[in-house]
Amino acid sequence: MTRENLAEVLDEIALLLELKDENPFKIRAYRQGAETVRNFDGEIVELAEKNELNGIKGIGEALRDKLHELASTGRLEFHEKLRAEFPPGLFELFDVQGLGPKKVKALYEALGVSSIADLKAACEAGNVAGLPGFGAKTQVKILEAIALKETFADSFLLGGISPLVEEILELLRMHPEVSRCTVAGSFRRAKETVHDLDFLVATKEPKLVCEDFTTLPQVESIIVCGETKASVRLKDGLQCDLRAVSNAQFPFALQYFTGSKEHNVAIRGLALKQGLSLNEYGFTPTHDTAVIPEVNEERDIYQALALDFIEPELRENRGEIEAAADHTLPRLIELGQLRGTFHNHTTASDGHHTLEAMADEAMELGLQYLGIADHSKASFQANGLDETRLTEQVRAIAKLNASYENFRIFSGTEVDILKDGSLDFSDEILSKLDYCVASVHASFTLSEEEMTRRICRAMENEHVTMLGHATGRLLLKREPYAVNHAMIIDCAAETRTIIELNCSPMRLDMDWRWWKRARDKGVLCSINPDAHSTMGLHHLGLGIRLARKGWLRKQDVFNTRPLAEIEAFLKMPKTKR
């Protein structure tokens, strides 16, 4: 039983109660309980198991007893009885973009829809359009969402599976017959989504390690288990492969199974030019005069081919091999170089934690500053702030800053970019803030030309410090809106607007494929978690991984700068930055 298991059960209870039209305060209590569990600074599972949750804000007596039952027995009778009142497939519907509890309830009661297959059939038959609150457009959007879900059925978010990877690696490290282990594949290369996980171990007992791998607690079923390889399906549907090799083979296997395929093909081509054949087991000579280089670590392979070591994130055959040969690879940014971050939310809009709690967590992470950018009024669905509430927040931030010595909160806003490119707040209001993140939150269906013009007009505003989530994408859920990246980057360079790398696991936007162009144009990046809770601030590490994949260095990232430099920068007019 993990922290996330506890929170997921509480979230599902809230959904079930909503389907039953239960008291909204009761529903909210379970949702808040789930957030408390996720963000509690302590061993909440252990405390729940010992029934020692008294006094924790957000967990009342009823929730305390349920969490104790769940943590100590692995099940919750109340939850199981609620679940039994509905068909199992009904819960799939909540994963369809645009469907909330009210619409799921309407579909179930009016049409008997209890699975995605039922929903698809009902839409294709035209039955959904006639329901109150739906209509023909909603029916089309549901079919599009189902098609998108089917496309990404075997894909998983990089940020979503990172904790799972660490759990499995820790178990492999503990194995007495494993001398080295790591994860390879697209996860190691920091691809934003992955289809499977590739684990690699060095061992003298490959068959035993493979057999033990198939018995890990996360495993649902065994696909294959052989002498040196095992493949399993985890309980969440993710496939995991294990390769067991000797210690001498480990560097070669790591390089090979990290990929990408295109990178490896080019590397093998270089090896052949030097009279060497390279595969996952080692170097072999292609003629009698070739000398086999000594390889103990992965970087020795690249050195043998007269290349600087290429970091895993760069291995996509997008110029990294040529740069390694010319000794011009960038020194990539590292997590320890971040000094603060921007674009974070509080309970003033749709965040889960107060201004004070967010600041405390930022300081706990060792940051020097934190930018607060709650939503503006046009984002009514996110409880966006109007001018009065924003002014009150600016005062609250100033008062809190007076109590800090070596930390500062910057007052900002995530202001909506309206359909015509104007902003949701006047210049007069924006001028009173330390900074401004401008983002698109509505009217996603504009043409590429219209959307690009809309965003560029917003960046031309002298008060817009940075552009938020450039394409509005939600990975595996919503496609990005059409926008001309090259023109956006060029406009940012011309207007001296920072572009954020939104490192929320579902966004990772702007896409890593465009950051090298932005860097070369002199556009600064700000790695922002778009945090809606204290735990959201912890996604900064994911942002670093994607920044590295985008060839970014310390000097390319705005929030690596110390507090004094940030203060001076934000006081300067955009034209002089």
Protein backbone atom coordinates (compact mmCIF):
# COMPACT_ATOMS: atom_id res chain seq x y z
CA MET A 1 0.00 0.00 0.00
CA THR A 2 1.43 3.36 -1.07
CA ARG A 3 0.53 7.01 -0.53
CA GLU A 4 -0.86 7.17 -4.07
CA ASN A 5 -2.98 4.04 -3.48
CA LEU A 6 -4.62 5.73 -0.49
CA ALA A 7 -5.26 8.94 -2.43
CA GLU A 8 -6.65 7.10 -5.47
CA VAL A 9 -9.22 5.26 -3.34
CA LEU A 10 -10.39 8.54 -1.78
CA ASP A 11 -10.62 10.16 -5.21
CA GLU A 12 -12.67 7.25 -6.52
CA ILE A 13 -15.01 7.39 -3.53
CA ALA A 14 -15.60 11.07 -4.34
CA LEU A 15 -16.49 10.14 -7.93
CA LEU A 16 -18.82 7.37 -6.81
CA LEU A 17 -20.58 9.66 -4.36
CA GLU A 18 -20.97 12.26 -7.10
CA LEU A 19 -22.58 9.63 -9.34
CA LYS A 20 -25.00 8.95 -6.50
CA ASP A 21 -25.86 12.67 -6.08
CA GLU A 22 -24.54 12.66 -2.54
CA ASN A 23 -23.99 15.75 -0.40
CA PRO A 24 -21.40 17.99 -2.17
CA PHE A 25 -19.69 18.75 1.16
CA LYS A 26 -19.15 15.04 1.70
CA ILE A 27 -17.74 14.69 -1.81
CA ARG A 28 -15.42 17.64 -1.26
CA ALA A 29 -14.18 16.12 1.99
CA TYR A 30 -12.96 13.00 0.20
CA ARG A 31 -11.29 15.03 -2.55
CA GLN A 32 -9.55 17.24 -0.02
CA GLY A 33 -8.56 14.13 1.92
CA ALA A 34 -6.91 12.71 -1.21
CA GLU A 35 -4.91 15.92 -1.67
CA THR A 36 -3.90 15.91 1.99
CA VAL A 37 -2.63 12.35 1.66
CA ARG A 38 -0.65 13.20 -1.49
CA ASN A 39 0.96 16.30 -0.03
CA PHE A 40 1.44 15.36 3.62
CA ASP A 41 5.03 15.89 4.71
CA GLY A 42 5.59 12.61 6.52
CA GLU A 43 5.06 8.85 6.37
CA ILE A 44 1.29 9.02 5.97
CA VAL A 45 0.88 5.33 5.12
CA GLU A 46 2.70 4.28 8.26
CA LEU A 47 0.68 6.72 10.38
CA ALA A 48 -2.57 5.49 8.84
CA GLU A 49 -1.63 1.87 9.51
CA LYS A 50 -0.97 2.72 13.19
CA ASN A 51 -4.15 4.83 13.35
CA GLU A 52 -2.14 7.92 14.27
CA LEU A 53 -3.73 10.49 11.96
CA ASN A 54 -5.30 12.62 14.69
CA GLY A 55 -4.82 16.36 14.28
CA ILE A 56 -3.94 16.34 10.58
CA LYS A 57 -5.83 19.16 8.87
CA GLY A 58 -8.08 17.84 6.12
CA ILE A 59 -8.53 14.38 7.65
CA GLY A 60 -11.56 14.13 9.93
CA GLU A 61 -12.59 11.23 12.10
CA ALA A 62 -14.46 9.36 9.35
CA LEU A 63 -11.58 9.67 6.89
CA ARG A 64 -9.08 8.72 9.59
CA ASP A 65 -10.89 5.44 10.26
CA LYS A 66 -11.20 4.61 6.57
CA LEU A 67 -7.52 5.31 5.90
CA HIS A 68 -6.59 3.11 8.86
CA GLU A 69 -8.70 0.25 7.50
CA LEU A 70 -7.26 0.68 4.02
CA ALA A 71 -3.62 0.94 5.13
CA SER A 72 -3.81 -1.93 7.61
CA THR A 73 -5.85 -4.42 5.55
CA GLY A 74 -5.24 -3.37 1.95
CA ARG A 75 -8.98 -2.90 1.31
CA LEU A 76 -11.86 -0.66 2.32
CA GLU A 77 -15.31 -2.20 2.68
CA PHE A 78 -17.09 1.14 2.18
CA HIS A 79 -15.28 1.65 -1.12
CA GLU A 80 -15.96 -1.89 -2.34
CA LYS A 81 -19.69 -1.63 -1.59
CA LEU A 82 -19.90 1.68 -3.45
CA ARG A 83 -18.06 0.25 -6.43
CA ALA A 84 -20.36 -2.78 -6.56
CA GLU A 85 -23.31 -0.46 -7.25
CA PHE A 86 -21.93 0.36 -10.70
CA PRO A 87 -20.63 -1.68 -13.69
CA PRO A 88 -16.80 -1.98 -13.65
CA GLY A 89 -16.43 -0.49 -17.14
CA LEU A 90 -18.14 2.71 -16.07
CA PHE A 91 -14.90 3.99 -14.56
CA GLU A 92 -13.21 3.92 -17.98
CA LEU A 93 -15.48 6.79 -19.02
CA PHE A 94 -13.79 9.22 -16.66
CA ASP A 95 -10.61 8.87 -18.74
CA VAL A 96 -12.36 10.31 -21.81
CA GLN A 97 -11.52 13.98 -22.27
CA GLY A 98 -14.54 16.19 -21.55
CA LEU A 99 -16.55 13.71 -19.47
CA GLY A 100 -17.14 14.48 -15.82
CA PRO A 101 -19.34 12.77 -13.25
CA LYS A 102 -22.54 14.57 -14.32
CA LYS A 103 -22.20 13.56 -17.96
CA VAL A 104 -21.13 10.02 -17.09
CA LYS A 105 -24.20 9.74 -14.86
CA ALA A 106 -26.48 11.03 -17.64
CA LEU A 107 -25.03 8.59 -20.17
CA TYR A 108 -25.41 5.69 -17.78
CA GLU A 109 -28.96 6.46 -16.71
CA ALA A 110 -30.37 7.51 -20.10
CA LEU A 111 -28.56 5.16 -22.48
CA GLY A 112 -27.14 2.41 -20.26
CA VAL A 113 -23.60 3.38 -21.28
CA SER A 114 -21.25 1.53 -18.93
CA SER A 115 -17.99 1.29 -20.91
CA ILE A 116 -16.01 3.09 -23.59
CA ALA A 117 -17.23 0.53 -26.13
CA ASP A 118 -20.84 1.35 -25.19
CA LEU A 119 -20.10 5.06 -25.44
CA LYS A 120 -18.51 4.75 -28.86
CA ALA A 121 -21.48 2.73 -30.15
CA ALA A 122 -23.97 5.24 -28.72
CA CYS A 123 -22.13 8.15 -30.36
CA GLU A 124 -21.86 6.40 -33.71
CA ALA A 125 -25.60 5.66 -33.57
CA GLY A 126 -26.26 9.36 -32.89
CA ASN A 127 -27.95 8.71 -29.56
CA VAL A 128 -25.68 10.91 -27.44
CA ALA A 129 -26.45 14.12 -29.35
CA GLY A 130 -30.08 14.02 -28.22
CA LEU A 131 -29.33 14.00 -24.51
CA PRO A 132 -29.83 17.26 -22.55
CA GLY A 133 -26.49 19.05 -22.11
CA PHE A 134 -24.75 17.19 -24.95
CA GLY A 135 -25.62 18.02 -28.58
CA ALA A 136 -24.06 17.11 -31.95
CA LYS A 137 -20.79 18.97 -31.33
CA THR A 138 -20.25 17.24 -28.00
CA GLN A 139 -20.94 13.88 -29.63
CA VAL A 140 -18.26 14.55 -32.27
CA LYS A 141 -15.77 15.69 -29.59
CA ILE A 142 -16.41 12.52 -27.57
CA LEU A 143 -15.69 10.36 -30.63
CA GLU A 144 -12.49 12.33 -31.25
CA ALA A 145 -11.46 11.88 -27.60
CA ILE A 146 -12.09 8.11 -27.81
CA ALA A 147 -10.01 7.89 -31.00
CA LEU A 148 -7.18 9.80 -29.30
CA LYS A 149 -7.37 7.51 -26.28
CA GLU A 150 -7.19 4.45 -28.55
CA THR A 151 -4.14 5.92 -30.30
CA PHE A 152 -2.32 6.31 -26.98
CA ALA A 153 -3.63 3.13 -25.36
CA ASP A 154 -0.15 1.73 -24.72
CA SER A 155 1.56 5.02 -23.88
CA PHE A 156 2.46 6.36 -20.44
CA LEU A 157 3.56 9.77 -19.18
CA LEU A 158 7.27 10.11 -18.40
CA GLY A 159 6.49 11.96 -15.17
CA GLY A 160 3.73 9.56 -14.24
CA ILE A 161 5.91 6.46 -14.24
CA SER A 162 9.06 7.98 -12.72
CA PRO A 163 8.19 6.88 -9.15
CA LEU A 164 7.50 3.35 -10.42
CA VAL A 165 10.89 3.22 -12.13
CA GLU A 166 12.62 4.17 -8.89
CA GLU A 167 10.68 1.50 -6.98
CA ILE A 168 11.76 -1.23 -9.40
CA LEU A 169 15.37 -0.03 -9.54
CA GLU A 170 15.54 -0.06 -5.75
CA LEU A 171 14.32 -3.67 -5.68
CA LEU A 172 16.87 -4.67 -8.34
CA ARG A 173 19.68 -2.97 -6.40
CA MET A 174 18.77 -5.03 -3.36
CA HIS A 175 19.14 -8.32 -5.24
CA PRO A 176 22.26 -10.13 -3.98
CA GLU A 177 23.23 -11.31 -7.47
CA VAL A 178 22.99 -7.88 -9.15
CA SER A 179 26.19 -5.82 -9.32
CA ARG A 180 24.94 -3.02 -11.56
CA CYS A 181 21.46 -1.98 -12.70
CA THR A 182 19.79 0.90 -14.49
CA VAL A 183 16.88 1.82 -16.72
CA ALA A 184 17.49 2.36 -20.42
CA GLY A 185 15.26 3.00 -23.44
CA SER A 186 13.11 6.05 -24.06
CA PHE A 187 12.73 6.66 -20.33
CA ARG A 188 16.47 7.22 -19.98
CA ARG A 189 16.38 9.49 -23.03
CA ALA A 190 13.60 11.53 -21.34
CA LYS A 191 10.97 11.11 -24.04
CA GLU A 192 7.77 12.77 -22.87
CA THR A 193 5.80 9.53 -23.23
CA VAL A 194 7.00 5.93 -23.20
CA HIS A 195 5.55 2.65 -24.45
CA ASP A 196 7.53 0.31 -22.22
CA LEU A 197 10.42 0.20 -19.77
CA ASP A 198 13.82 -1.38 -20.38
CA PHE A 199 15.78 -2.43 -17.31
CA LEU A 200 19.34 -3.68 -17.44
CA VAL A 201 21.35 -5.61 -14.85
CA ALA A 202 24.89 -6.95 -14.62
CA THR A 203 24.95 -10.36 -12.95
CA LYS A 204 26.64 -13.75 -12.87
CA GLU A 205 23.26 -15.43 -12.38
CA PRO A 206 21.10 -14.10 -15.24
CA LYS A 207 18.45 -16.82 -15.16
CA LEU A 208 17.87 -16.45 -11.41
CA VAL A 209 17.60 -12.66 -11.65
CA CYS A 210 15.16 -12.95 -14.56
CA GLU A 211 12.99 -15.36 -12.60
CA ASP A 212 13.01 -13.11 -9.56
CA PHE A 213 12.13 -10.11 -11.73
CA THR A 214 8.86 -11.80 -12.70
CA THR A 215 7.86 -12.07 -9.03
CA LEU A 216 8.11 -8.34 -8.22
CA PRO A 217 5.00 -7.03 -6.45
CA GLN A 218 4.19 -4.66 -9.34
CA VAL A 219 3.87 -7.55 -11.84
CA GLU A 220 0.43 -8.58 -13.10
CA SER A 221 1.44 -11.24 -15.64
CA ILE A 222 4.52 -12.83 -17.22
CA ILE A 223 4.97 -12.46 -20.97
CA VAL A 224 8.22 -14.42 -21.23
CA CYS A 225 11.04 -15.52 -18.94
CA GLY A 226 14.25 -16.91 -20.41
CA GLU A 227 17.92 -17.35 -19.62
CA THR A 228 18.88 -13.66 -20.04
CA LYS A 229 15.62 -11.83 -20.68
CA ALA A 230 12.25 -11.44 -18.99
CA SER A 231 9.19 -9.47 -20.04
CA VAL A 232 6.26 -8.75 -17.75
CA ARG A 233 3.05 -6.76 -17.76
CA LEU A 234 2.58 -4.56 -14.70
CA LYS A 235 -0.71 -3.99 -12.93
CA ASP A 236 -1.17 -0.65 -14.70
CA GLY A 237 -0.70 -2.30 -18.12
CA LEU A 238 2.87 -1.13 -18.70
CA GLN A 239 5.27 -3.67 -20.22
CA CYS A 240 8.70 -4.01 -18.60
CA ASP A 241 11.65 -5.85 -20.12
CA LEU A 242 14.72 -6.97 -18.22
CA ARG A 243 18.06 -7.80 -19.87
CA ALA A 244 20.63 -9.62 -17.77
CA VAL A 245 24.24 -9.40 -19.01
CA SER A 246 27.75 -9.85 -17.69
CA ASN A 247 29.62 -6.95 -16.11
CA ALA A 248 31.87 -6.70 -19.20
CA GLN A 249 28.84 -6.50 -21.50
CA PHE A 250 26.98 -3.98 -19.35
CA PRO A 251 28.36 -0.73 -20.94
CA PHE A 252 27.60 -1.99 -24.44
CA ALA A 253 24.11 -3.17 -23.51
CA LEU A 254 23.42 0.16 -21.81
CA GLN A 255 24.46 2.13 -24.88
CA TYR A 256 22.53 -0.14 -27.23
CA PHE A 257 19.26 -0.38 -25.28
CA THR A 258 19.22 3.33 -24.47
CA GLY A 259 18.87 4.10 -28.19
CA SER A 260 17.53 5.80 -30.08
CA LYS A 261 17.57 3.50 -33.07
CA GLU A 262 18.66 6.34 -35.34
CA HIS A 263 21.47 7.32 -32.98
CA ASN A 264 22.71 3.74 -32.72
CA VAL A 265 22.73 3.24 -36.48
CA ALA A 266 24.94 6.31 -36.88
CA ILE A 267 27.26 5.20 -34.04
CA ARG A 268 27.66 1.73 -35.55
CA GLY A 269 28.48 3.36 -38.87
CA LEU A 270 31.32 5.29 -37.23
CA ALA A 271 32.62 2.11 -35.64
CA LEU A 272 32.70 0.30 -38.96
CA LYS A 273 34.84 3.08 -40.44
CA GLN A 274 37.40 2.27 -37.72
CA GLY A 275 37.31 -1.45 -38.48
CA LEU A 276 35.04 -2.30 -35.56
CA SER A 277 31.62 -3.90 -35.37
CA LEU A 278 29.54 -2.66 -32.43
CA ASN A 279 26.53 -4.37 -30.89
CA GLU A 280 24.98 -4.86 -27.45
CA TYR A 281 27.72 -7.30 -26.44
CA GLY A 282 30.87 -5.44 -27.40
CA PHE A 283 33.34 -4.45 -30.12
CA THR A 284 34.58 -7.05 -32.60
CA PRO A 285 37.21 -6.38 -35.32
CA THR A 286 36.19 -6.40 -38.98
CA HIS A 287 39.81 -6.87 -40.12
CA ASP A 288 43.04 -8.17 -38.62
CA THR A 289 44.66 -4.80 -37.94
CA ALA A 290 41.81 -3.39 -35.87
CA VAL A 291 42.55 -2.87 -32.17
CA ILE A 292 39.81 -3.61 -29.66
CA PRO A 293 39.58 -0.67 -27.23
CA GLU A 294 39.22 -1.22 -23.51
CA VAL A 295 35.72 -0.46 -22.30
CA ASN A 296 34.69 -0.36 -18.65
CA GLU A 297 31.98 2.30 -18.78
CA GLU A 298 29.55 3.54 -21.39
CA ARG A 299 31.53 6.73 -22.02
CA ASP A 300 34.53 4.60 -23.07
CA ILE A 301 32.55 3.51 -26.15
CA TYR A 302 32.21 7.10 -27.32
CA GLN A 303 35.84 7.87 -26.50
CA ALA A 304 36.92 4.88 -28.59
CA LEU A 305 35.12 6.44 -31.56
CA ALA A 306 36.81 9.85 -31.02
CA LEU A 307 33.60 11.35 -29.66
CA ASP A 308 32.86 13.33 -26.52
CA PHE A 309 30.40 11.54 -24.28
CA ILE A 310 26.84 12.15 -25.45
CA GLU A 311 24.32 12.49 -22.65
CA PRO A 312 21.38 10.06 -23.00
CA GLU A 313 18.82 12.85 -23.43
CA LEU A 314 20.52 14.02 -26.65
CA ARG A 315 20.65 10.66 -28.41
CA GLU A 316 18.08 11.23 -31.15
CA ASN A 317 20.45 11.71 -34.13
CA ARG A 318 19.62 15.41 -34.29
CA GLY A 319 23.17 16.73 -34.59
CA GLU A 320 24.58 15.38 -31.35
CA ILE A 321 27.08 13.03 -33.03
CA GLU A 322 28.54 15.79 -35.19
CA ALA A 323 28.76 18.07 -32.14
CA ALA A 324 30.49 15.31 -30.17
CA ALA A 325 33.05 14.90 -32.97
CA ASP A 326 33.65 18.67 -33.09
CA HIS A 327 33.80 18.96 -29.27
CA THR A 328 30.90 21.45 -29.31
CA LEU A 329 28.33 19.59 -27.23
CA PRO A 330 26.65 21.87 -24.67
CA ARG A 331 27.23 21.49 -20.96
CA LEU A 332 23.64 20.68 -20.09
CA ILE A 333 21.73 22.26 -17.24
CA GLU A 334 21.50 20.40 -13.91
CA LEU A 335 18.81 20.46 -11.24
CA GLY A 336 21.11 21.98 -8.62
CA GLN A 337 21.48 25.10 -10.77
CA LEU A 338 17.84 26.20 -10.40
CA ARG A 339 17.36 29.10 -7.99
CA GLY A 340 13.60 29.59 -8.23
CA THR A 341 10.59 29.18 -10.46
CA PHE A 342 7.51 30.97 -11.79
CA HIS A 343 3.94 30.05 -12.80
CA ASN A 344 2.53 28.54 -9.64
CA HIS A 345 -1.01 28.61 -8.26
CA THR A 346 -2.57 28.94 -4.82
CA THR A 347 -6.00 28.52 -3.25
CA ALA A 348 -6.75 32.03 -4.51
CA SER A 349 -7.59 30.39 -7.87
CA ASP A 350 -7.59 26.63 -8.44
CA GLY A 351 -4.55 25.63 -6.38
CA HIS A 352 -4.75 23.27 -3.39
CA HIS A 353 -2.41 25.10 -1.03
CA THR A 354 -2.11 28.58 0.38
CA LEU A 355 0.42 31.22 -0.52
CA GLU A 356 2.30 30.54 2.72
CA ALA A 357 2.36 26.76 2.17
CA MET A 358 3.70 27.14 -1.37
CA ALA A 359 6.43 29.49 -0.17
CA ASP A 360 7.38 27.15 2.67
CA GLU A 361 7.72 24.23 0.24
CA ALA A 362 9.83 26.32 -2.15
CA MET A 363 12.20 27.20 0.70
CA GLU A 364 12.30 23.56 1.77
CA LEU A 365 13.48 22.74 -1.76
CA GLY A 366 16.29 25.28 -1.39
CA LEU A 367 14.86 27.87 -3.77
CA GLN A 368 15.56 31.59 -3.39
CA TYR A 369 12.33 32.82 -4.96
CA LEU A 370 8.89 31.72 -6.06
CA GLY A 371 6.59 33.33 -8.60
CA ILE A 372 2.84 33.17 -7.94
CA ALA A 373 0.71 33.40 -11.08
CA ASP A 374 -2.91 32.59 -10.28
CA HIS A 375 -5.45 32.57 -13.10
CA SER A 376 -7.13 35.72 -14.38
CA LYS A 377 -10.89 36.29 -14.40
CA ALA A 378 -11.58 34.89 -17.89
CA SER A 379 -10.63 31.44 -16.53
CA PHE A 380 -13.81 31.35 -14.48
CA GLN A 381 -13.64 27.54 -14.37
CA ALA A 382 -10.37 27.93 -12.42
CA ASN A 383 -11.77 30.57 -10.04
CA GLY A 384 -9.70 33.23 -11.77
CA LEU A 385 -8.94 36.44 -9.92
CA ASP A 386 -10.52 39.76 -10.84
CA GLU A 387 -8.73 43.08 -10.40
CA THR A 388 -9.78 43.49 -6.78
CA ARG A 389 -8.73 40.02 -5.67
CA LEU A 390 -5.45 40.31 -7.57
CA THR A 391 -4.69 43.63 -5.83
CA GLU A 392 -5.42 42.00 -2.46
CA GLN A 393 -3.03 39.16 -3.31
CA VAL A 394 -0.27 41.63 -4.23
CA ARG A 395 -0.66 43.19 -0.76
CA ALA A 396 -0.61 39.77 0.92
CA ILE A 397 2.60 38.88 -0.93
CA ALA A 398 4.25 42.15 0.09
CA LYS A 399 3.31 41.53 3.72
CA LEU A 400 4.69 38.00 3.61
CA ASN A 401 7.90 39.13 1.90
CA ALA A 402 8.54 41.48 4.82
CA SER A 403 8.94 38.42 7.04
CA TYR A 404 11.62 36.78 4.85
CA GLU A 405 15.35 37.44 4.89
CA ASN A 406 16.78 35.38 2.02
CA PHE A 407 13.65 34.49 0.06
CA ARG A 408 11.14 36.39 -2.04
CA ILE A 409 7.74 35.75 -3.56
CA PHE A 410 7.18 37.53 -6.87
CA SER A 411 3.62 38.69 -7.52
CA GLY A 412 2.36 37.78 -10.96
CA THR A 413 -0.59 36.48 -12.90
CA GLU A 414 -1.30 33.85 -15.49
CA VAL A 415 -3.31 36.19 -17.63
CA ASP A 416 -5.55 34.74 -20.32
CA ILE A 417 -4.69 35.58 -23.92
CA LEU A 418 -8.13 36.37 -25.34
CA LYS A 419 -9.25 35.28 -28.79
CA ASP A 420 -8.01 38.44 -30.50
CA GLY A 421 -4.65 38.42 -28.71
CA SER A 422 -5.55 41.06 -26.15
CA LEU A 423 -5.09 40.30 -22.47
CA ASP A 424 -7.59 39.66 -19.69
CA PHE A 425 -6.14 42.47 -17.54
CA SER A 426 -5.43 46.08 -18.47
CA ASP A 427 -1.90 47.42 -18.77
CA GLU A 428 -2.57 49.49 -15.66
CA ILE A 429 -3.18 46.37 -13.56
CA LEU A 430 -0.30 44.41 -15.14
CA SER A 431 2.12 47.25 -14.45
CA LYS A 432 1.59 46.77 -10.70
CA LEU A 433 2.88 43.18 -10.84
CA ASP A 434 6.43 41.86 -10.76
CA TYR A 435 5.87 39.72 -13.84
CA CYS A 436 3.20 38.23 -16.07
CA VAL A 437 2.70 34.81 -17.69
CA ALA A 438 0.38 34.96 -20.70
CA SER A 439 -1.42 31.76 -21.69
CA VAL A 440 -4.17 30.49 -23.98
CA HIS A 441 -6.99 28.70 -22.15
CA ALA A 442 -9.88 28.87 -24.63
CA SER A 443 -10.73 29.10 -28.36
CA PHE A 444 -8.35 26.27 -29.29
CA THR A 445 -9.81 25.71 -32.78
CA LEU A 446 -8.37 28.79 -34.49
CA SER A 447 -6.32 28.21 -37.61
CA GLU A 448 -2.54 28.05 -37.28
CA GLU A 449 -2.23 31.53 -38.75
CA GLU A 450 -4.86 33.00 -36.41
CA MET A 451 -3.47 31.28 -33.30
CA THR A 452 0.08 32.35 -34.11
CA ARG A 453 -1.01 35.95 -34.66
CA ARG A 454 -3.01 35.82 -31.40
CA ILE A 455 -0.02 34.66 -29.35
CA CYS A 456 2.43 37.04 -31.02
CA ARG A 457 0.15 39.99 -30.30
CA ALA A 458 0.15 39.02 -26.63
CA MET A 459 3.96 38.76 -26.54
CA GLU A 460 4.21 42.24 -28.03
CA ASN A 461 2.66 43.64 -24.84
CA GLU A 462 5.37 45.31 -22.75
CA HIS A 463 4.07 43.72 -19.54
CA VAL A 464 4.14 40.08 -20.72
CA THR A 465 7.26 38.53 -19.22
CA MET A 466 6.79 34.99 -20.45
CA LEU A 467 4.58 32.81 -22.62
CA GLY A 468 2.88 29.93 -20.79
CA HIS A 469 2.41 26.38 -22.21
CA ALA A 470 2.90 27.37 -25.85
CA THR A 471 0.61 24.79 -27.48
CA GLY A 472 -1.92 23.97 -24.77
CA ARG A 473 -1.35 20.25 -25.17
CA LEU A 474 -2.30 17.66 -22.55
CA LEU A 475 -0.19 14.61 -23.27
CA LEU A 476 -2.21 11.48 -24.11
CA LYS A 477 -5.42 13.49 -23.66
CA ARG A 478 -5.54 16.57 -25.85
CA GLU A 479 -3.64 17.40 -29.01
CA PRO A 480 -1.83 20.77 -29.18
CA TYR A 481 -3.62 23.58 -30.92
CA ALA A 482 -2.21 24.59 -34.30
CA VAL A 483 0.60 27.12 -33.97
CA ASN A 484 3.69 28.04 -35.97
CA HIS A 485 6.53 27.32 -33.54
CA ALA A 486 9.18 29.02 -35.65
CA MET A 487 7.20 32.27 -35.80
CA ILE A 488 6.44 32.13 -32.07
CA ILE A 489 10.14 31.69 -31.29
CA ASP A 490 11.13 34.49 -33.66
CA CYS A 491 8.54 36.79 -32.07
CA ALA A 492 9.78 35.90 -28.59
CA ALA A 493 13.31 36.77 -29.64
CA GLU A 494 12.20 40.07 -31.14
CA THR A 495 10.03 41.09 -28.17
CA ARG A 496 12.43 39.68 -25.55
CA THR A 497 9.71 37.43 -24.16
CA ILE A 498 10.70 34.36 -22.17
CA ILE A 499 9.07 31.05 -23.18
CA GLU A 500 8.31 28.67 -20.37
CA LEU A 501 9.03 24.98 -20.32
CA ASN A 502 5.89 23.96 -18.49
CA CYS A 503 7.03 20.86 -16.62
CA SER A 504 3.66 19.64 -15.44
CA PRO A 505 3.87 15.92 -16.43
CA MET A 506 0.80 16.28 -18.65
CA ARG A 507 2.18 19.27 -20.56
CA LEU A 508 5.99 19.41 -20.99
CA ASP A 509 5.31 22.33 -23.28
CA MET A 510 7.07 23.90 -25.28
CA ASP A 511 8.07 20.62 -26.90
CA TRP A 512 11.74 19.67 -26.52
CA ARG A 513 12.23 19.52 -30.29
CA TRP A 514 12.03 23.34 -30.51
CA TRP A 515 14.27 24.42 -27.65
CA LYS A 516 17.54 24.27 -29.58
CA ARG A 517 16.15 26.73 -32.12
CA ALA A 518 14.91 28.97 -29.33
CA ARG A 519 18.29 28.81 -27.60
CA ASP A 520 20.13 29.69 -30.79
CA LYS A 521 17.78 32.67 -31.29
CA GLY A 522 18.64 33.94 -27.82
CA VAL A 523 15.21 33.18 -26.32
CA LEU A 524 15.34 32.49 -22.59
CA CYS A 525 13.56 29.50 -21.08
CA SER A 526 11.88 29.47 -17.68
CA ILE A 527 11.34 26.01 -16.22
CA ASN A 528 7.94 26.30 -14.53
CA PRO A 529 6.00 23.49 -12.85
CA ASP A 530 2.54 25.10 -13.20
CA ALA A 531 2.22 23.82 -9.64
CA HIS A 532 -1.28 23.62 -8.20
CA SER A 533 0.00 22.10 -4.95
CA THR A 534 3.18 21.91 -2.91
CA MET A 535 3.98 18.54 -4.51
CA GLY A 536 3.67 20.16 -7.93
CA LEU A 537 6.86 22.09 -7.19
CA HIS A 538 8.69 18.76 -7.18
CA HIS A 539 8.14 18.45 -10.94
CA LEU A 540 11.07 20.82 -11.49
CA GLY A 541 13.32 17.76 -11.84
CA LEU A 542 11.20 16.57 -14.75
CA GLY A 543 11.57 20.00 -16.31
CA ILE A 544 15.34 19.73 -16.05
CA ARG A 545 15.28 16.41 -17.90
CA LEU A 546 13.29 17.93 -20.78
CA ALA A 547 15.47 21.06 -20.82
CA ARG A 548 18.51 18.85 -21.19
CA LYS A 549 16.80 17.02 -24.03
CA GLY A 550 16.31 20.40 -25.66
CA TRP A 551 20.08 21.14 -25.54
CA LEU A 552 19.66 23.84 -22.88
CA ARG A 553 22.52 25.06 -20.70
CA LYS A 554 22.47 26.93 -17.42
CA GLN A 555 22.77 30.29 -19.15
CA ASP A 556 19.74 29.54 -21.34
CA VAL A 557 17.39 29.14 -18.38
CA PHE A 558 16.08 32.30 -16.70
CA ASN A 559 15.46 30.77 -13.29
CA THR A 560 19.04 29.63 -12.78
CA ARG A 561 19.83 33.27 -12.01
CA PRO A 562 20.21 34.34 -8.36
CA LEU A 563 17.56 36.48 -6.72
CA ALA A 564 19.33 39.83 -7.18
CA GLU A 565 19.69 39.28 -10.93
CA ILE A 566 16.03 38.26 -11.25
CA GLU A 567 14.93 41.41 -9.39
CA ALA A 568 17.02 43.62 -11.65
CA PHE A 569 15.82 41.85 -14.81
CA LEU A 570 12.13 42.16 -13.93
CA LYS A 571 12.50 45.89 -13.22
CA MET A 572 13.95 46.56 -16.69
CA PRO A 573 11.69 47.40 -19.64
CA LYS A 574 11.45 44.53 -22.11
CA THR A 575 13.20 46.57 -24.79
CA LYS A 576 16.38 46.75 -22.68
CA ARG A 577 16.58 43.15 -21.51
